[in-house]
Amino acid sequence: MITDRSNECVDVVSVYDWESFRVGDDHYLLSAEHASQLATTTVSGSDAVSTSSSVIYRWQGVEKFVPVHRLDTPPATDWETFTTDSGQVYLVCANGVAGVSQLFRVKMV
């Protein structure tokens, strides 16, 4: 039974997916931005390559989720996370447009 419901708005442009993950005691949300206000297009050879900025949000308690990092990726359609036996966290970005996926290792500083 849900006894408390909290509503929070997060400014996004074109999110295809949300992924939640933990690093230590910290909770995060990661947006799969397919197009963003920060999207750019560059020309590489004869191909135009679009990038978007997927955003990582950290749970801050009273402040709720706050953006802490942007990842420039091709337009993202899905994010997945996994943790190795040694505790290392990885983020995998899937792209349904350019056919390029990316793997990121989470480094805590």
Protein backbone atom coordinates (compact mmCIF):
# COMPACT_ATOMS: atom_id res chain seq x y z
CA MET A 1 0.00 0.00 0.00
CA ILE A 2 1.32 3.46 -0.90
CA THR A 3 0.92 5.78 2.06
CA ASP A 4 2.81 8.83 0.82
CA ARG A 5 3.04 10.18 -2.70
CA SER A 6 5.55 12.86 -3.60
CA ASN A 7 5.34 14.77 -6.87
CA GLU A 8 8.35 16.34 -8.47
CA CYS A 9 8.76 17.92 -11.89
CA VAL A 10 12.01 17.57 -13.82
CA ASP A 11 12.62 19.75 -16.88
CA VAL A 12 13.23 17.52 -19.90
CA VAL A 13 12.75 17.83 -23.65
CA SER A 14 12.49 14.36 -25.14
CA VAL A 15 13.16 11.55 -22.65
CA TYR A 16 12.68 8.00 -23.96
CA ASP A 17 13.65 6.21 -20.76
CA TRP A 18 14.57 6.67 -17.11
CA GLU A 19 17.04 4.44 -15.30
CA SER A 20 17.61 4.39 -11.55
CA PHE A 21 20.80 3.20 -9.90
CA ARG A 22 22.76 3.42 -6.67
CA VAL A 23 26.40 4.10 -5.94
CA GLY A 24 27.10 3.42 -2.29
CA ASP A 25 24.31 5.05 -0.30
CA ASP A 26 23.48 7.59 -3.05
CA HIS A 27 20.44 7.22 -5.33
CA TYR A 28 20.50 8.46 -8.94
CA LEU A 29 18.16 8.86 -11.92
CA LEU A 30 19.48 8.93 -15.47
CA SER A 31 17.46 10.36 -18.36
CA ALA A 32 17.74 8.93 -21.88
CA GLU A 33 17.46 12.20 -23.80
CA HIS A 34 16.63 11.62 -27.43
CA ALA A 35 16.72 15.34 -28.19
CA SER A 36 17.60 18.11 -25.82
CA GLN A 37 17.85 21.87 -25.70
CA LEU A 38 21.61 21.32 -25.67
CA ALA A 39 21.56 19.03 -28.72
CA THR A 40 24.15 19.74 -31.38
CA THR A 41 24.81 18.46 -34.87
CA THR A 42 28.28 18.19 -36.36
CA VAL A 43 29.38 17.04 -39.77
CA SER A 44 31.83 14.14 -39.89
CA GLY A 45 32.84 13.32 -43.46
CA SER A 46 29.54 13.25 -45.32
CA ASP A 47 27.43 12.27 -42.28
CA ALA A 48 25.73 14.57 -39.80
CA VAL A 49 26.17 13.33 -36.22
CA SER A 50 23.69 14.51 -33.58
CA THR A 51 24.45 14.53 -29.88
CA SER A 52 22.14 15.03 -26.93
CA SER A 53 22.80 15.60 -23.26
CA SER A 54 21.46 12.88 -21.02
CA VAL A 55 21.36 14.03 -17.41
CA ILE A 56 22.24 12.26 -14.17
CA TYR A 57 20.19 13.44 -11.17
CA ARG A 58 21.16 12.68 -7.55
CA TRP A 59 18.66 12.39 -4.71
CA GLN A 60 19.37 15.22 -2.29
CA GLY A 61 16.62 14.61 0.29
CA VAL A 62 14.88 17.94 0.94
CA GLU A 63 16.03 19.31 -2.44
CA LYS A 64 14.77 16.09 -4.10
CA PHE A 65 16.51 15.15 -7.38
CA VAL A 66 19.08 17.66 -8.63
CA PRO A 67 21.12 17.48 -11.86
CA VAL A 68 24.75 16.61 -11.13
CA HIS A 69 26.20 15.60 -14.51
CA ARG A 70 25.49 15.73 -18.24
CA LEU A 71 26.61 13.01 -20.65
CA ASP A 72 26.96 13.98 -24.32
CA THR A 73 25.74 10.99 -26.32
CA PRO A 74 24.08 10.27 -29.62
CA PRO A 75 20.30 10.60 -29.14
CA ALA A 76 19.63 8.03 -26.40
CA THR A 77 16.72 5.59 -26.50
CA ASP A 78 17.63 3.51 -23.44
CA TRP A 79 20.02 3.36 -20.50
CA GLU A 80 20.91 0.28 -18.51
CA THR A 81 23.16 0.01 -15.48
CA PHE A 82 25.07 -2.88 -14.00
CA THR A 83 27.42 -3.41 -11.10
CA THR A 84 30.35 -5.82 -11.19
CA ASP A 85 31.20 -8.20 -8.34
CA SER A 86 33.87 -5.70 -7.25
CA GLY A 87 31.24 -2.94 -6.91
CA GLN A 88 32.15 -0.96 -10.05
CA VAL A 89 29.07 0.66 -11.64
CA TYR A 90 28.70 0.96 -15.42
CA LEU A 91 26.15 2.84 -17.52
CA VAL A 92 25.24 1.62 -21.01
CA CYS A 93 23.63 4.03 -23.47
CA ALA A 94 21.67 2.58 -26.39
CA ASN A 95 21.09 4.63 -29.52
CA GLY A 96 18.34 3.66 -31.95
CA VAL A 97 19.29 6.21 -34.61
CA ALA A 98 23.04 6.06 -35.24
CA GLY A 99 23.47 2.42 -34.23
CA VAL A 100 26.17 3.39 -31.74
CA SER A 101 26.03 2.39 -28.09
CA GLN A 102 28.34 3.72 -25.41
CA LEU A 103 29.65 2.29 -22.14
CA PHE A 104 30.54 4.61 -19.24
CA ARG A 105 32.32 3.66 -16.02
CA VAL A 106 31.10 5.61 -13.00
CA LYS A 107 33.94 7.28 -11.10
CA MET A 108 33.14 8.87 -7.78
CA VAL A 109 35.24 11.92 -6.93
